[in-house]
Amino acid sequence: MDATDLQRLAGYLREHGLQVVALEPELRLHASNPFHGLLTEEIVAVDGRYVTSFGSEIGEEGRERECAHRVAHLLAASGVTPVGAP
């Protein structure tokens, strides 16, 4: 995963209403549900596949839209951005 893939995945996660912090030196994403702060996930790439902090594979690099959908499902995101969010 490079920084471009990371930003693409982050953008798709935001479209699902998740808050996302990109930790680019580590090439890691931290995604969270803005309505339930304890629902969070760390995402990294391992051998061309996106993997969560629990070791669950969520998809391949190059398929960021589908990966974002899976993460949103894991974090029970509704796709609705909270009031006042950028």
PDB file of N, CA and C in Angstrom:
ATOM      1  N   MET A   1       0.867  -1.167   0.000  1.00  0.00           N
ATOM      2  CA  MET A   1       0.000   0.000   0.000  1.00  0.00           C
ATOM      3  C   MET A   1       0.906   1.219   0.000  1.00  0.00           C
ATOM      4  N   ASP A   2       0.563   2.191  -0.825  1.00  0.00           N
ATOM      5  CA  ASP A   2       1.283   3.458  -0.777  1.00  0.00           C
ATOM      6  C   ASP A   2       0.327   4.536  -0.276  1.00  0.00           C
ATOM      7  N   ALA A   3       0.849   5.757  -0.151  1.00  0.00           N
ATOM      8  CA  ALA A   3       0.034   6.840   0.407  1.00  0.00           C
ATOM      9  C   ALA A   3      -1.196   7.132  -0.448  1.00  0.00           C
ATOM     10  N   THR A   4      -1.109   6.940  -1.764  1.00  0.00           N
ATOM     11  CA  THR A   4      -2.263   7.175  -2.639  1.00  0.00           C
ATOM     12  C   THR A   4      -3.368   6.167  -2.355  1.00  0.00           C
ATOM     13  N   ASP A   5      -3.012   4.886  -2.231  1.00  0.00           N
ATOM     14  CA  ASP A   5      -4.006   3.858  -1.888  1.00  0.00           C
ATOM     15  C   ASP A   5      -4.627   4.154  -0.536  1.00  0.00           C
ATOM     16  N   LEU A   6      -3.801   4.569   0.395  1.00  0.00           N
ATOM     17  CA  LEU A   6      -4.263   4.887   1.745  1.00  0.00           C
ATOM     18  C   LEU A   6      -5.276   6.028   1.710  1.00  0.00           C
ATOM     19  N   GLN A   7      -4.981   7.083   0.962  1.00  0.00           N
ATOM     20  CA  GLN A   7      -5.899   8.220   0.878  1.00  0.00           C
ATOM     21  C   GLN A   7      -7.188   7.837   0.144  1.00  0.00           C
ATOM     22  N   ARG A   8      -7.084   6.981  -0.859  1.00  0.00           N
ATOM     23  CA  ARG A   8      -8.276   6.526  -1.582  1.00  0.00           C
ATOM     24  C   ARG A   8      -9.195   5.750  -0.629  1.00  0.00           C
ATOM     25  N   LEU A   9      -8.630   4.829   0.133  1.00  0.00           N
ATOM     26  CA  LEU A   9      -9.420   4.065   1.093  1.00  0.00           C
ATOM     27  C   LEU A   9     -10.014   4.991   2.149  1.00  0.00           C
ATOM     28  N   ALA A  10      -9.227   5.949   2.621  1.00  0.00           N
ATOM     29  CA  ALA A  10      -9.722   6.905   3.618  1.00  0.00           C
ATOM     30  C   ALA A  10     -10.910   7.690   3.070  1.00  0.00           C
ATOM     31  N   GLY A  11     -10.851   8.100   1.823  1.00  0.00           N
ATOM     32  CA  GLY A  11     -11.951   8.836   1.219  1.00  0.00           C
ATOM     33  C   GLY A  11     -13.223   8.006   1.158  1.00  0.00           C
ATOM     34  N   TYR A  12     -13.108   6.752   0.778  1.00  0.00           N
ATOM     35  CA  TYR A  12     -14.281   5.873   0.727  1.00  0.00           C
ATOM     36  C   TYR A  12     -14.849   5.625   2.119  1.00  0.00           C
ATOM     37  N   LEU A  13     -13.969   5.504   3.102  1.00  0.00           N
ATOM     38  CA  LEU A  13     -14.444   5.321   4.476  1.00  0.00           C
ATOM     39  C   LEU A  13     -15.215   6.555   4.940  1.00  0.00           C
ATOM     40  N   ARG A  14     -14.728   7.727   4.594  1.00  0.00           N
ATOM     41  CA  ARG A  14     -15.429   8.967   4.959  1.00  0.00           C
ATOM     42  C   ARG A  14     -16.792   9.047   4.287  1.00  0.00           C
ATOM     43  N   GLU A  15     -16.898   8.548   3.055  1.00  0.00           N
ATOM     44  CA  GLU A  15     -18.191   8.524   2.364  1.00  0.00           C
ATOM     45  C   GLU A  15     -19.218   7.689   3.130  1.00  0.00           C
ATOM     46  N   HIS A  16     -18.738   6.730   3.900  1.00  0.00           N
ATOM     47  CA  HIS A  16     -19.618   5.895   4.726  1.00  0.00           C
ATOM     48  C   HIS A  16     -19.920   6.550   6.069  1.00  0.00           C
ATOM     49  N   GLY A  17     -19.416   7.761   6.288  1.00  0.00           N
ATOM     50  CA  GLY A  17     -19.695   8.480   7.521  1.00  0.00           C
ATOM     51  C   GLY A  17     -18.718   8.203   8.641  1.00  0.00           C
ATOM     52  N   LEU A  18     -17.629   7.528   8.346  1.00  0.00           N
ATOM     53  CA  LEU A  18     -16.642   7.224   9.379  1.00  0.00           C
ATOM     54  C   LEU A  18     -15.648   8.370   9.518  1.00  0.00           C
ATOM     55  N   GLN A  19     -15.117   8.530  10.714  1.00  0.00           N
ATOM     56  CA  GLN A  19     -14.018   9.459  10.943  1.00  0.00           C
ATOM     57  C   GLN A  19     -12.735   8.678  10.685  1.00  0.00           C
ATOM     58  N   VAL A  20     -11.816   9.288   9.963  1.00  0.00           N
ATOM     59  CA  VAL A  20     -10.598   8.579   9.565  1.00  0.00           C
ATOM     60  C   VAL A  20      -9.376   9.445   9.815  1.00  0.00           C
ATOM     61  N   VAL A  21      -8.356   8.827  10.386  1.00  0.00           N
ATOM     62  CA  VAL A  21      -7.056   9.459  10.546  1.00  0.00           C
ATOM     63  C   VAL A  21      -6.060   8.597   9.790  1.00  0.00           C
ATOM     64  N   ALA A  22      -5.338   9.221   8.862  1.00  0.00           N
ATOM     65  CA  ALA A  22      -4.309   8.505   8.100  1.00  0.00           C
ATOM     66  C   ALA A  22      -2.968   8.722   8.786  1.00  0.00           C
ATOM     67  N   LEU A  23      -2.342   7.648   9.147  1.00  0.00           N
ATOM     68  CA  LEU A  23      -1.013   7.693   9.754  1.00  0.00           C
ATOM     69  C   LEU A  23      -0.037   7.278   8.664  1.00  0.00           C
ATOM     70  N   GLU A  24       0.332   8.243   7.818  1.00  0.00           N
ATOM     71  CA  GLU A  24       1.062   7.932   6.600  1.00  0.00           C
ATOM     72  C   GLU A  24       2.476   7.396   6.804  1.00  0.00           C
ATOM     73  N   PRO A  25       3.234   7.863   7.779  1.00  0.00           N
ATOM     74  CA  PRO A  25       4.561   7.242   7.903  1.00  0.00           C
ATOM     75  C   PRO A  25       4.465   5.734   8.143  1.00  0.00           C
ATOM     76  N   GLU A  26       3.420   5.322   8.873  1.00  0.00           N
ATOM     77  CA  GLU A  26       3.226   3.897   9.158  1.00  0.00           C
ATOM     78  C   GLU A  26       2.342   3.221   8.111  1.00  0.00           C
ATOM     79  N   LEU A  27       1.756   4.024   7.178  1.00  0.00           N
ATOM     80  CA  LEU A  27       0.801   3.510   6.189  1.00  0.00           C
ATOM     81  C   LEU A  27      -0.301   2.727   6.885  1.00  0.00           C
ATOM     82  N   ARG A  28      -0.953   3.415   7.808  1.00  0.00           N
ATOM     83  CA  ARG A  28      -2.009   2.830   8.625  1.00  0.00           C
ATOM     84  C   ARG A  28      -3.181   3.795   8.684  1.00  0.00           C
ATOM     85  N   LEU A  29      -4.394   3.248   8.722  1.00  0.00           N
ATOM     86  CA  LEU A  29      -5.589   4.064   8.897  1.00  0.00           C
ATOM     87  C   LEU A  29      -6.241   3.724  10.220  1.00  0.00           C
ATOM     88  N   HIS A  30      -6.771   4.750  10.857  1.00  0.00           N
ATOM     89  CA  HIS A  30      -7.570   4.560  12.061  1.00  0.00           C
ATOM     90  C   HIS A  30      -8.968   5.079  11.717  1.00  0.00           C
ATOM     91  N   ALA A  31      -9.944   4.178  11.668  1.00  0.00           N
ATOM     92  CA  ALA A  31     -11.319   4.545  11.336  1.00  0.00           C
ATOM     93  C   ALA A  31     -12.185   4.350  12.564  1.00  0.00           C
ATOM     94  N   SER A  32     -13.138   5.284  12.763  1.00  0.00           N
ATOM     95  CA  SER A  32     -14.034   5.149  13.903  1.00  0.00           C
ATOM     96  C   SER A  32     -15.429   5.630  13.535  1.00  0.00           C
ATOM     97  N   ASN A  33     -16.405   5.088  14.246  1.00  0.00           N
ATOM     98  CA  ASN A  33     -17.789   5.477  14.086  1.00  0.00           C
ATOM     99  C   ASN A  33     -17.988   6.734  14.932  1.00  0.00           C
ATOM    100  N   PRO A  34     -18.381   7.862  14.323  1.00  0.00           N
ATOM    101  CA  PRO A  34     -18.495   9.106  15.093  1.00  0.00           C
ATOM    102  C   PRO A  34     -19.610   9.088  16.134  1.00  0.00           C
ATOM    103  N   PHE A  35     -20.551   8.166  16.016  1.00  0.00           N
ATOM    104  CA  PHE A  35     -21.646   8.071  16.972  1.00  0.00           C
ATOM    105  C   PHE A  35     -21.355   7.103  18.115  1.00  0.00           C
ATOM    106  N   HIS A  36     -20.351   6.257  17.927  1.00  0.00           N
ATOM    107  CA  HIS A  36     -19.980   5.252  18.925  1.00  0.00           C
ATOM    108  C   HIS A  36     -18.459   5.206  18.975  1.00  0.00           C
ATOM    109  N   GLY A  37     -17.869   6.081  19.750  1.00  0.00           N
ATOM    110  CA  GLY A  37     -16.427   6.241  19.794  1.00  0.00           C
ATOM    111  C   GLY A  37     -15.621   5.006  20.102  1.00  0.00           C
ATOM    112  N   LEU A  38     -16.243   3.999  20.709  1.00  0.00           N
ATOM    113  CA  LEU A  38     -15.511   2.775  21.003  1.00  0.00           C
ATOM    114  C   LEU A  38     -15.434   1.835  19.812  1.00  0.00           C
ATOM    115  N   LEU A  39     -16.217   2.119  18.773  1.00  0.00           N
ATOM    116  CA  LEU A  39     -16.173   1.295  17.560  1.00  0.00           C
ATOM    117  C   LEU A  39     -15.097   1.859  16.644  1.00  0.00           C
ATOM    118  N   THR A  40     -13.924   1.250  16.693  1.00  0.00           N
ATOM    119  CA  THR A  40     -12.792   1.715  15.900  1.00  0.00           C
ATOM    120  C   THR A  40     -12.111   0.526  15.234  1.00  0.00           C
ATOM    121  N   GLU A  41     -11.329   0.832  14.229  1.00  0.00           N
ATOM    122  CA  GLU A  41     -10.574  -0.210  13.537  1.00  0.00           C
ATOM    123  C   GLU A  41      -9.296   0.393  12.987  1.00  0.00           C
ATOM    124  N   GLU A  42      -8.215  -0.352  13.093  1.00  0.00           N
ATOM    125  CA  GLU A  42      -6.941   0.004  12.478  1.00  0.00           C
ATOM    126  C   GLU A  42      -6.807  -0.854  11.227  1.00  0.00           C
ATOM    127  N   ILE A  43      -6.352  -0.250  10.144  1.00  0.00           N
ATOM    128  CA  ILE A  43      -6.245  -0.956   8.871  1.00  0.00           C
ATOM    129  C   ILE A  43      -4.843  -0.760   8.311  1.00  0.00           C
ATOM    130  N   VAL A  44      -4.227  -1.857   7.910  1.00  0.00           N
ATOM    131  CA  VAL A  44      -2.914  -1.840   7.265  1.00  0.00           C
ATOM    132  C   VAL A  44      -2.974  -2.769   6.056  1.00  0.00           C
ATOM    133  N   ALA A  45      -1.944  -2.692   5.221  1.00  0.00           N
ATOM    134  CA  ALA A  45      -1.837  -3.622   4.097  1.00  0.00           C
ATOM    135  C   ALA A  45      -0.732  -4.621   4.391  1.00  0.00           C
ATOM    136  N   VAL A  46      -1.036  -5.882   4.140  1.00  0.00           N
ATOM    137  CA  VAL A  46      -0.071  -6.961   4.320  1.00  0.00           C
ATOM    138  C   VAL A  46      -0.124  -7.825   3.070  1.00  0.00           C
ATOM    139  N   ASP A  47       0.996  -7.912   2.375  1.00  0.00           N
ATOM    140  CA  ASP A  47       1.079  -8.743   1.170  1.00  0.00           C
ATOM    141  C   ASP A  47      -0.037  -8.453   0.173  1.00  0.00           C
ATOM    142  N   GLY A  48      -0.313  -7.167  -0.043  1.00  0.00           N
ATOM    143  CA  GLY A  48      -1.296  -6.769  -1.040  1.00  0.00           C
ATOM    144  C   GLY A  48      -2.749  -6.876  -0.611  1.00  0.00           C
ATOM    145  N   ARG A  49      -2.990  -7.123   0.670  1.00  0.00           N
ATOM    146  CA  ARG A  49      -4.360  -7.237   1.177  1.00  0.00           C
ATOM    147  C   ARG A  49      -4.511  -6.305   2.370  1.00  0.00           C
ATOM    148  N   TYR A  50      -5.698  -5.702   2.480  1.00  0.00           N
ATOM    149  CA  TYR A  50      -6.007  -4.867   3.634  1.00  0.00           C
ATOM    150  C   TYR A  50      -6.423  -5.764   4.792  1.00  0.00           C
ATOM    151  N   VAL A  51      -5.877  -5.461   5.963  1.00  0.00           N
ATOM    152  CA  VAL A  51      -6.087  -6.292   7.146  1.00  0.00           C
ATOM    153  C   VAL A  51      -6.443  -5.391   8.324  1.00  0.00           C
ATOM    154  N   THR A  52      -7.400  -5.835   9.146  1.00  0.00           N
ATOM    155  CA  THR A  52      -7.792  -5.085  10.334  1.00  0.00           C
ATOM    156  C   THR A  52      -6.874  -5.423  11.497  1.00  0.00           C
ATOM    157  N   SER A  53      -7.029  -4.692  12.584  1.00  0.00           N
ATOM    158  CA  SER A  53      -6.187  -4.915  13.766  1.00  0.00           C
ATOM    159  C   SER A  53      -6.415  -6.292  14.384  1.00  0.00           C
ATOM    160  N   PHE A  54      -7.553  -6.906  14.078  1.00  0.00           N
ATOM    161  CA  PHE A  54      -7.810  -8.255  14.584  1.00  0.00           C
ATOM    162  C   PHE A  54      -7.335  -9.328  13.621  1.00  0.00           C
ATOM    163  N   GLY A  55      -6.671  -8.917  12.541  1.00  0.00           N
ATOM    164  CA  GLY A  55      -6.140  -9.868  11.578  1.00  0.00           C
ATOM    165  C   GLY A  55      -7.142 -10.318  10.530  1.00  0.00           C
ATOM    166  N   SER A  56      -8.289  -9.671  10.458  1.00  0.00           N
ATOM    167  CA  SER A  56      -9.301 -10.032   9.455  1.00  0.00           C
ATOM    168  C   SER A  56      -8.959  -9.369   8.135  1.00  0.00           C
ATOM    169  N   GLU A  57      -8.904 -10.166   7.076  1.00  0.00           N
ATOM    170  CA  GLU A  57      -8.681  -9.608   5.748  1.00  0.00           C
ATOM    171  C   GLU A  57      -9.984  -9.007   5.248  1.00  0.00           C
ATOM    172  N   ILE A  58      -9.894  -7.767   4.745  1.00  0.00           N
ATOM    173  CA  ILE A  58     -11.111  -7.114   4.249  1.00  0.00           C
ATOM    174  C   ILE A  58     -11.080  -6.900   2.749  1.00  0.00           C
ATOM    175  N   GLY A  59     -10.009  -7.274   2.090  1.00  0.00           N
ATOM    176  CA  GLY A  59      -9.960  -7.175   0.643  1.00  0.00           C
ATOM    177  C   GLY A  59      -8.578  -6.859   0.123  1.00  0.00           C
ATOM    178  N   GLU A  60      -8.505  -6.765  -1.204  1.00  0.00           N
ATOM    179  CA  GLU A  60      -7.241  -6.545  -1.888  1.00  0.00           C
ATOM    180  C   GLU A  60      -6.995  -5.071  -2.160  1.00  0.00           C
ATOM    181  N   GLU A  61      -5.716  -4.715  -2.233  1.00  0.00           N
ATOM    182  CA  GLU A  61      -5.357  -3.386  -2.695  1.00  0.00           C
ATOM    183  C   GLU A  61      -5.905  -3.239  -4.110  1.00  0.00           C
ATOM    184  N   GLY A  62      -6.368  -2.046  -4.432  1.00  0.00           N
ATOM    185  CA  GLY A  62      -6.997  -1.808  -5.719  1.00  0.00           C
ATOM    186  C   GLY A  62      -8.508  -1.957  -5.670  1.00  0.00           C
ATOM    187  N   ARG A  63      -9.015  -2.477  -4.562  1.00  0.00           N
ATOM    188  CA  ARG A  63     -10.459  -2.650  -4.375  1.00  0.00           C
ATOM    189  C   ARG A  63     -10.896  -1.891  -3.127  1.00  0.00           C
ATOM    190  N   GLU A  64     -10.435  -0.637  -3.043  1.00  0.00           N
ATOM    191  CA  GLU A  64     -10.649   0.165  -1.839  1.00  0.00           C
ATOM    192  C   GLU A  64     -12.119   0.438  -1.556  1.00  0.00           C
ATOM    193  N   ARG A  65     -12.931   0.628  -2.598  1.00  0.00           N
ATOM    194  CA  ARG A  65     -14.353   0.901  -2.378  1.00  0.00           C
ATOM    195  C   ARG A  65     -15.010  -0.270  -1.649  1.00  0.00           C
ATOM    196  N   GLU A  66     -14.744  -1.487  -2.096  1.00  0.00           N
ATOM    197  CA  GLU A  66     -15.326  -2.674  -1.457  1.00  0.00           C
ATOM    198  C   GLU A  66     -14.794  -2.854  -0.036  1.00  0.00           C
ATOM    199  N   CYS A  67     -13.516  -2.558   0.149  1.00  0.00           N
ATOM    200  CA  CYS A  67     -12.919  -2.668   1.490  1.00  0.00           C
ATOM    201  C   CYS A  67     -13.580  -1.677   2.451  1.00  0.00           C
ATOM    202  N   ALA A  68     -13.815  -0.461   1.980  1.00  0.00           N
ATOM    203  CA  ALA A  68     -14.449   0.554   2.819  1.00  0.00           C
ATOM    204  C   ALA A  68     -15.849   0.107   3.225  1.00  0.00           C
ATOM    205  N   HIS A  69     -16.567  -0.498   2.300  1.00  0.00           N
ATOM    206  CA  HIS A  69     -17.910  -0.991   2.613  1.00  0.00           C
ATOM    207  C   HIS A  69     -17.848  -2.048   3.723  1.00  0.00           C
ATOM    208  N   ARG A  70     -16.883  -2.928   3.657  1.00  0.00           N
ATOM    209  CA  ARG A  70     -16.748  -3.975   4.687  1.00  0.00           C
ATOM    210  C   ARG A  70     -16.398  -3.379   6.044  1.00  0.00           C
ATOM    211  N   VAL A  71     -15.486  -2.404   6.056  1.00  0.00           N
ATOM    212  CA  VAL A  71     -15.115  -1.760   7.321  1.00  0.00           C
ATOM    213  C   VAL A  71     -16.312  -1.013   7.894  1.00  0.00           C
ATOM    214  N   ALA A  72     -17.060  -0.316   7.053  1.00  0.00           N
ATOM    215  CA  ALA A  72     -18.250   0.398   7.516  1.00  0.00           C
ATOM    216  C   ALA A  72     -19.243  -0.578   8.134  1.00  0.00           C
ATOM    217  N   HIS A  73     -19.382  -1.741   7.534  1.00  0.00           N
ATOM    218  CA  HIS A  73     -20.274  -2.762   8.093  1.00  0.00           C
ATOM    219  C   HIS A  73     -19.764  -3.215   9.466  1.00  0.00           C
ATOM    220  N   LEU A  74     -18.463  -3.445   9.578  1.00  0.00           N
ATOM    221  CA  LEU A  74     -17.885  -3.859  10.863  1.00  0.00           C
ATOM    222  C   LEU A  74     -18.116  -2.815  11.948  1.00  0.00           C
ATOM    223  N   LEU A  75     -18.070  -1.548  11.560  1.00  0.00           N
ATOM    224  CA  LEU A  75     -18.197  -0.456  12.528  1.00  0.00           C
ATOM    225  C   LEU A  75     -19.620   0.081  12.614  1.00  0.00           C
ATOM    226  N   ALA A  76     -20.552  -0.623  12.007  1.00  0.00           N
ATOM    227  CA  ALA A  76     -21.969  -0.276  12.066  1.00  0.00           C
ATOM    228  C   ALA A  76     -22.226   1.155  11.632  1.00  0.00           C
ATOM    229  N   ALA A  77     -21.500   1.599  10.593  1.00  0.00           N
ATOM    230  CA  ALA A  77     -21.683   2.963  10.089  1.00  0.00           C
ATOM    231  C   ALA A  77     -22.908   3.022   9.205  1.00  0.00           C
ATOM    232  N   SER A  78     -23.642   4.090   9.312  1.00  0.00           N
ATOM    233  CA  SER A  78     -24.884   4.233   8.556  1.00  0.00           C
ATOM    234  C   SER A  78     -24.690   4.955   7.244  1.00  0.00           C
ATOM    235  N   GLY A  79     -23.548   5.582   7.033  1.00  0.00           N
ATOM    236  CA  GLY A  79     -23.353   6.374   5.839  1.00  0.00           C
ATOM    237  C   GLY A  79     -23.852   7.795   6.000  1.00  0.00           C
ATOM    238  N   VAL A  80     -24.357   8.131   7.177  1.00  0.00           N
ATOM    239  CA  VAL A  80     -24.848   9.476   7.445  1.00  0.00           C
ATOM    240  C   VAL A  80     -23.778  10.237   8.219  1.00  0.00           C
ATOM    241  N   THR A  81     -23.384  11.388   7.698  1.00  0.00           N
ATOM    242  CA  THR A  81     -22.388  12.210   8.366  1.00  0.00           C
ATOM    243  C   THR A  81     -23.057  12.986   9.493  1.00  0.00           C
ATOM    244  N   PRO A  82     -22.472  12.986  10.696  1.00  0.00           N
ATOM    245  CA  PRO A  82     -23.070  13.708  11.803  1.00  0.00           C
ATOM    246  C   PRO A  82     -23.132  15.203  11.545  1.00  0.00           C
ATOM    247  N   VAL A  83     -24.102  15.855  12.152  1.00  0.00           N
ATOM    248  CA  VAL A  83     -24.279  17.293  12.009  1.00  0.00           C
ATOM    249  C   VAL A  83     -23.021  18.001  12.489  1.00  0.00           C
ATOM    250  N   GLY A  84     -22.567  18.957  11.697  1.00  0.00           N
ATOM    251  CA  GLY A  84     -21.380  19.739  12.067  1.00  0.00           C
ATOM    252  C   GLY A  84     -20.080  19.132  11.614  1.00  0.00           C
ATOM    253  N   ALA A  85     -20.114  17.932  11.020  1.00  0.00           N
ATOM    254  CA  ALA A  85     -18.876  17.300  10.561  1.00  0.00           C
ATOM    255  C   ALA A  85     -18.473  17.902   9.226  1.00  0.00           C
ATOM    256  N   PRO A  86     -17.178  18.007   8.978  1.00  0.00           N
ATOM    257  CA  PRO A  86     -16.713  18.561   7.699  1.00  0.00           C
ATOM    258  C   PRO A  86     -16.998  17.627   6.546  1.00  0.00           C
TER     259      PRO A  86
END
